[in-house]
Amino acid sequence: MTSIVVLAATLAQLAVRPVPLRPGIGVAHSAVTTRSKQAQAFFDQGLAYIHSYVWLEAARSFNQALRLDPNIAAAYAELSIAYTELNDAPAAHDAIALARALAPKTSAREQAWIAARALQMDAEAAPADAAKLAAYRAALDAALKQLPNDVELLLARGKAESRDPADRGQGSIASAIPYYTKALALAPGQFAAHHFLAHAYENTGQVQPALVEAAAYARMAPNIPHARHMHGHELRRAGRVADAIAEFTAADELDRAYMTAEGIPPAFDWHYQHNLDLLATSYQYLGQNDKAEALFRKSFAIPSAMLEQEFNKREWPVFLIAEGRAPEALDAAKALIAQPAPLVQATGHIEAGEAYLALKQVPQAGAEYNAALRLMRGAEGAGLLADALRQLQGGVFLHSGRAVEGRAALQQAATDMRSRPGPDAWVETTFALEAMARMAREVGDWELAEWMARQMIDHDPNYAGSRRATELVEEHKRHTRR
């Protein structure tokens, strides 16, 4: 816990450190009220970094613009986004307060944006309050009536289609596409619409359009790790896993070069760890498990203040269980249980339960299920764990001789997992289906094993594990016919 506090304090210092103008990060532009061309340039650089989720460099750029001109209200409004994503809520609230205080001296467009951003922050603080999200959307709609060709307002309105008011584009849905498409038509030289369109298409299962948009994003922002990473996302979903590895590797090289040049510890770069995870699972997908293991180990060791990043550390014990190394998986799960966040603890209990099942210690697995369930009740973000918890429940039932209940839970888990959008969920589901097929075979439930093998083939016929699961079922059938 102390390490996270120290990280946060250091991060706050880094966020105000001077930064140069950088090439290769993509073009973004929104005119602000300033007489300083340099201040405008740093504001635009911050905007480009915001659109690529490079939160620390965005904060540095906006703070640099404000050193040149401390009256740029829009820079404070954008800083409120960067600080929110850097988990510095007090700084974010201070920034929006300064933006609102300076707003009367700015253009109508800037005033509208600042007012909308303030409403968005209200909605972010109460994500279950639909009225606050509606107020934010309404403010953007009103601004677009006055400024129908404003690219930044169009991008913001597209992102606001998400049910999550804090969404920055990753969760874009089909109804966001017209906003991004119009923004792209108005500013074809700017990359942001390509980025968000890639997310919108991947989230709606449109693999080829997502690949086209991600490739454009990577071309237009070649020095941004996330741009190369996004291209890898879509290549992997299109079945081109080796090509995806090349892009994830390029992103890793950019991340490491940046951290070395700027003296940024790995714990401060959320993208570095996330990219390691996808690179590791890509090698796992191809059966290159030595490479996968080295990357999983590296990622697991990096502390993070991001809840979702800590949750994703479950991939390491999942990998170890698949490798038949349940005691090591149990140790990794216990490391997650020791974390301060209840949701991460629940994640650890679920993976500990899976490890106990692999060790045939069913009562202990049941106890871990109950511990996870208690932590998840009423916890924010508990839905992230719903499928994994049901998978563990089904496993406990199967190993306890309650076949009907076990099948029902596992089949529901598989169905729900397969409905999740996005390429990350697609690969996670591939491995989860494989784990459930393996469990079914281990307890001798070959009917369920066959059902899971069919799910694997339907989900991803190119994965070697899908074919192997099917072959094992057929081998069993031949053996029983003798």
Foldseek 3Di string as FASTA:
>chain_A
DVVVVVVLVVLVVLLQDADDQDPQLFWAADDFPDPDPQLRSLQRVLVSCLLLVVLSSSSNSLNNSCVVPVLGLLSLLSNLLSCVSLVNNVSSVVSLVSSQVSVVVIDPLSVLVSVLSVLLVVCQVPLVDVVSLVVSLVSLVVSCVVVVQDLVSLQLNQQSVDSRSSGSQLQGEPVSLVSLVSSCVSCVRGLSSLVSVLNHCQQVVNLVSSLVSLVSNCVRRVLALSSLQSNLQSCVVVVNLVVSLVSLVSSLVSVVVVCVVSVNDPQSGLVNLVSLQSNLLSCVLVVVNVSSLVSLVVSLPRDYPDPVSLLSNLVNLLSCVVVVNLVVSLVSLVVQLPDDQLQSVLSSLLSNLVSCVSVLNLVSSVVSLVSSVVSLVVDPPSVVCPLSSLLSVLLSCLSVVNNVSSLVSNVVSLVVLLSGGGSVSLSVSLSSLLSSLVSCVVSPNLVSNCVSLVSNCVSPVPGPSSVVSNVVSVVVVVVVVD
